[in-house]
Each structure stands twice: as C-alpha cells, then as structure tokens.
Amino acid sequence: MGREQKGGREGKKEAAKSPKEKKAAKAAKKAANKNILVSG
C-alpha cells in the first residue's frame, strides 16, 4: 500500500499580474501613502 500518484499534472497557474504591474502598483501605493503623511 504505497502512495497514490495523480495521473495528470496540472500546469503552472498564470500570474494575475506581471512583475512590472506588481511593481507599478506597489510604487503607486507607496506614493499615495507618502502624500497622505505629508499633507496630514
């Protein structure tokens, strides 16, 4: 009674956002936070 193996392998999931999109979103969020701190 060994381990069972799955017959078909699932492919790698596609990323929701590309690395460039992630970096742009992070930069935008950081800039927004900075503006809030400066004006507040």
PDB file of N, CA and C in Angstrom:
ATOM      1  N   MET A   1       0.827  -1.187   0.000  1.00  0.00           N
ATOM      2  CA  MET A   1       0.000   0.000   0.000  1.00  0.00           C
ATOM      3  C   MET A   1       0.873   1.253   0.000  1.00  0.00           C
ATOM      4  N   GLY A   2       1.372   1.569  -1.164  1.00  0.00           N
ATOM      5  CA  GLY A   2       2.211   2.749  -1.291  1.00  0.00           C
ATOM      6  C   GLY A   2       1.397   4.000  -1.536  1.00  0.00           C
ATOM      7  N   ARG A   3       2.096   5.034  -1.855  1.00  0.00           N
ATOM      8  CA  ARG A   3       1.436   6.317  -2.125  1.00  0.00           C
ATOM      9  C   ARG A   3       0.772   6.278  -3.492  1.00  0.00           C
ATOM     10  N   GLU A   4      -0.334   6.959  -3.590  1.00  0.00           N
ATOM     11  CA  GLU A   4      -1.012   7.054  -4.879  1.00  0.00           C
ATOM     12  C   GLU A   4      -0.484   8.269  -5.626  1.00  0.00           C
ATOM     13  N   GLN A   5      -0.375   8.124  -6.929  1.00  0.00           N
ATOM     14  CA  GLN A   5       0.078   9.240  -7.746  1.00  0.00           C
ATOM     15  C   GLN A   5      -1.080   9.713  -8.619  1.00  0.00           C
ATOM     16  N   LYS A   6      -1.162  11.017  -8.798  1.00  0.00           N
ATOM     17  CA  LYS A   6      -2.204  11.561  -9.664  1.00  0.00           C
ATOM     18  C   LYS A   6      -1.786  11.320 -11.113  1.00  0.00           C
ATOM     19  N   GLY A   7      -2.754  10.974 -11.924  1.00  0.00           N
ATOM     20  CA  GLY A   7      -2.470  10.674 -13.320  1.00  0.00           C
ATOM     21  C   GLY A   7      -2.032  11.871 -14.131  1.00  0.00           C
ATOM     22  N   GLY A   8      -2.776  12.964 -14.045  1.00  0.00           N
ATOM     23  CA  GLY A   8      -2.453  14.137 -14.864  1.00  0.00           C
ATOM     24  C   GLY A   8      -1.869  15.247 -14.032  1.00  0.00           C
ATOM     25  N   ARG A   9      -0.857  15.872 -14.563  1.00  0.00           N
ATOM     26  CA  ARG A   9      -0.259  17.008 -13.857  1.00  0.00           C
ATOM     27  C   ARG A   9      -0.959  18.281 -14.283  1.00  0.00           C
ATOM     28  N   GLU A  10      -1.169  19.163 -13.336  1.00  0.00           N
ATOM     29  CA  GLU A  10      -1.757  20.449 -13.662  1.00  0.00           C
ATOM     30  C   GLU A  10      -0.630  21.416 -14.026  1.00  0.00           C
ATOM     31  N   GLY A  11      -0.885  22.225 -15.034  1.00  0.00           N
ATOM     32  CA  GLY A  11       0.105  23.207 -15.447  1.00  0.00           C
ATOM     33  C   GLY A  11       0.240  24.304 -14.429  1.00  0.00           C
ATOM     34  N   LYS A  12       1.299  25.081 -14.561  1.00  0.00           N
ATOM     35  CA  LYS A  12       1.532  26.198 -13.661  1.00  0.00           C
ATOM     36  C   LYS A  12       0.464  27.259 -13.879  1.00  0.00           C
ATOM     37  N   LYS A  13      -0.030  27.838 -12.789  1.00  0.00           N
ATOM     38  CA  LYS A  13      -1.052  28.873 -12.906  1.00  0.00           C
ATOM     39  C   LYS A  13      -0.428  30.142 -13.473  1.00  0.00           C
ATOM     40  N   GLU A  14      -1.199  30.825 -14.296  1.00  0.00           N
ATOM     41  CA  GLU A  14      -0.742  32.104 -14.827  1.00  0.00           C
ATOM     42  C   GLU A  14      -0.838  33.161 -13.720  1.00  0.00           C
ATOM     43  N   ALA A  15       0.130  34.036 -13.673  1.00  0.00           N
ATOM     44  CA  ALA A  15       0.131  35.090 -12.672  1.00  0.00           C
ATOM     45  C   ALA A  15      -0.992  36.080 -12.960  1.00  0.00           C
ATOM     46  N   ALA A  16      -1.618  36.585 -11.912  1.00  0.00           N
ATOM     47  CA  ALA A  16      -2.701  37.557 -12.071  1.00  0.00           C
ATOM     48  C   ALA A  16      -2.146  38.864 -12.634  1.00  0.00           C
ATOM     49  N   LYS A  17      -0.948  39.244 -12.168  1.00  0.00           N
ATOM     50  CA  LYS A  17      -0.306  40.462 -12.648  1.00  0.00           C
ATOM     51  C   LYS A  17       1.142  40.136 -13.011  1.00  0.00           C
ATOM     52  N   SER A  18       1.649  40.840 -14.019  1.00  0.00           N
ATOM     53  CA  SER A  18       3.047  40.655 -14.392  1.00  0.00           C
ATOM     54  C   SER A  18       3.925  41.351 -13.351  1.00  0.00           C
ATOM     55  N   PRO A  19       5.184  40.980 -13.284  1.00  0.00           N
ATOM     56  CA  PRO A  19       6.087  41.640 -12.314  1.00  0.00           C
ATOM     57  C   PRO A  19       6.110  43.169 -12.473  1.00  0.00           C
ATOM     58  N   LYS A  20       6.033  43.648 -13.723  1.00  0.00           N
ATOM     59  CA  LYS A  20       6.028  45.102 -13.944  1.00  0.00           C
ATOM     60  C   LYS A  20       4.776  45.732 -13.355  1.00  0.00           C
ATOM     61  N   GLU A  21       3.640  45.057 -13.526  1.00  0.00           N
ATOM     62  CA  GLU A  21       2.382  45.572 -12.985  1.00  0.00           C
ATOM     63  C   GLU A  21       2.420  45.593 -11.459  1.00  0.00           C
ATOM     64  N   LYS A  22       2.986  44.552 -10.861  1.00  0.00           N
ATOM     65  CA  LYS A  22       3.103  44.494  -9.401  1.00  0.00           C
ATOM     66  C   LYS A  22       3.957  45.641  -8.887  1.00  0.00           C
ATOM     67  N   LYS A  23       5.080  45.888  -9.572  1.00  0.00           N
ATOM     68  CA  LYS A  23       5.999  46.937  -9.155  1.00  0.00           C
ATOM     69  C   LYS A  23       5.342  48.311  -9.270  1.00  0.00           C
ATOM     70  N   ALA A  24       4.589  48.521 -10.355  1.00  0.00           N
ATOM     71  CA  ALA A  24       3.907  49.802 -10.561  1.00  0.00           C
ATOM     72  C   ALA A  24       2.843  50.025  -9.486  1.00  0.00           C
ATOM     73  N   ALA A  25       2.099  48.973  -9.147  1.00  0.00           N
ATOM     74  CA  ALA A  25       1.067  49.088  -8.128  1.00  0.00           C
ATOM     75  C   ALA A  25       1.684  49.402  -6.766  1.00  0.00           C
ATOM     76  N   LYS A  26       2.794  48.750  -6.471  1.00  0.00           N
ATOM     77  CA  LYS A  26       3.475  48.979  -5.194  1.00  0.00           C
ATOM     78  C   LYS A  26       3.993  50.413  -5.110  1.00  0.00           C
ATOM     79  N   ALA A  27       4.565  50.912  -6.214  1.00  0.00           N
ATOM     80  CA  ALA A  27       5.079  52.275  -6.239  1.00  0.00           C
ATOM     81  C   ALA A  27       3.949  53.282  -6.068  1.00  0.00           C
ATOM     82  N   ALA A  28       2.815  53.025  -6.718  1.00  0.00           N
ATOM     83  CA  ALA A  28       1.671  53.927  -6.621  1.00  0.00           C
ATOM     84  C   ALA A  28       1.133  53.963  -5.190  1.00  0.00           C
ATOM     85  N   LYS A  29       1.067  52.793  -4.569  1.00  0.00           N
ATOM     86  CA  LYS A  29       0.572  52.716  -3.191  1.00  0.00           C
ATOM     87  C   LYS A  29       1.516  53.454  -2.248  1.00  0.00           C
ATOM     88  N   LYS A  30       2.811  53.284  -2.463  1.00  0.00           N
ATOM     89  CA  LYS A  30       3.804  53.941  -1.616  1.00  0.00           C
ATOM     90  C   LYS A  30       3.716  55.459  -1.775  1.00  0.00           C
ATOM     91  N   ALA A  31       3.542  55.922  -3.011  1.00  0.00           N
ATOM     92  CA  ALA A  31       3.437  57.359  -3.275  1.00  0.00           C
ATOM     93  C   ALA A  31       2.175  57.921  -2.629  1.00  0.00           C
ATOM     94  N   ALA A  32       1.081  57.178  -2.702  1.00  0.00           N
ATOM     95  CA  ALA A  32      -0.174  57.622  -2.099  1.00  0.00           C
ATOM     96  C   ALA A  32      -0.013  57.753  -0.589  1.00  0.00           C
ATOM     97  N   ASN A  33       0.630  56.784   0.036  1.00  0.00           N
ATOM     98  CA  ASN A  33       0.851  56.827   1.487  1.00  0.00           C
ATOM     99  C   ASN A  33       1.740  58.006   1.875  1.00  0.00           C
ATOM    100  N   LYS A  34       2.740  58.276   1.065  1.00  0.00           N
ATOM    101  CA  LYS A  34       3.664  59.376   1.344  1.00  0.00           C
ATOM    102  C   LYS A  34       2.921  60.704   1.281  1.00  0.00           C
ATOM    103  N   ASN A  35       2.027  60.852   0.279  1.00  0.00           N
ATOM    104  CA  ASN A  35       1.255  62.094   0.142  1.00  0.00           C
ATOM    105  C   ASN A  35       0.344  62.310   1.331  1.00  0.00           C
ATOM    106  N   ILE A  36      -0.231  61.246   1.843  1.00  0.00           N
ATOM    107  CA  ILE A  36      -1.134  61.345   2.998  1.00  0.00           C
ATOM    108  C   ILE A  36      -0.350  61.805   4.233  1.00  0.00           C
ATOM    109  N   LEU A  37       0.835  61.234   4.422  1.00  0.00           N
ATOM    110  CA  LEU A  37       1.638  61.580   5.588  1.00  0.00           C
ATOM    111  C   LEU A  37       2.114  63.026   5.530  1.00  0.00           C
ATOM    112  N   VAL A  38       2.468  63.502   4.344  1.00  0.00           N
ATOM    113  CA  VAL A  38       2.985  64.863   4.199  1.00  0.00           C
ATOM    114  C   VAL A  38       1.882  65.891   4.406  1.00  0.00           C
ATOM    115  N   SER A  39       0.716  65.655   3.806  1.00  0.00           N
ATOM    116  CA  SER A  39      -0.370  66.643   3.887  1.00  0.00           C
ATOM    117  C   SER A  39      -1.139  66.581   5.202  1.00  0.00           C
ATOM    118  N   GLY A  40      -1.051  65.414   5.892  1.00  0.00           N
ATOM    119  CA  GLY A  40      -1.861  65.247   7.096  1.00  0.00           C
ATOM    120  C   GLY A  40      -1.262  65.688   8.352  1.00  0.00           C
TER     121      GLY A  40
END
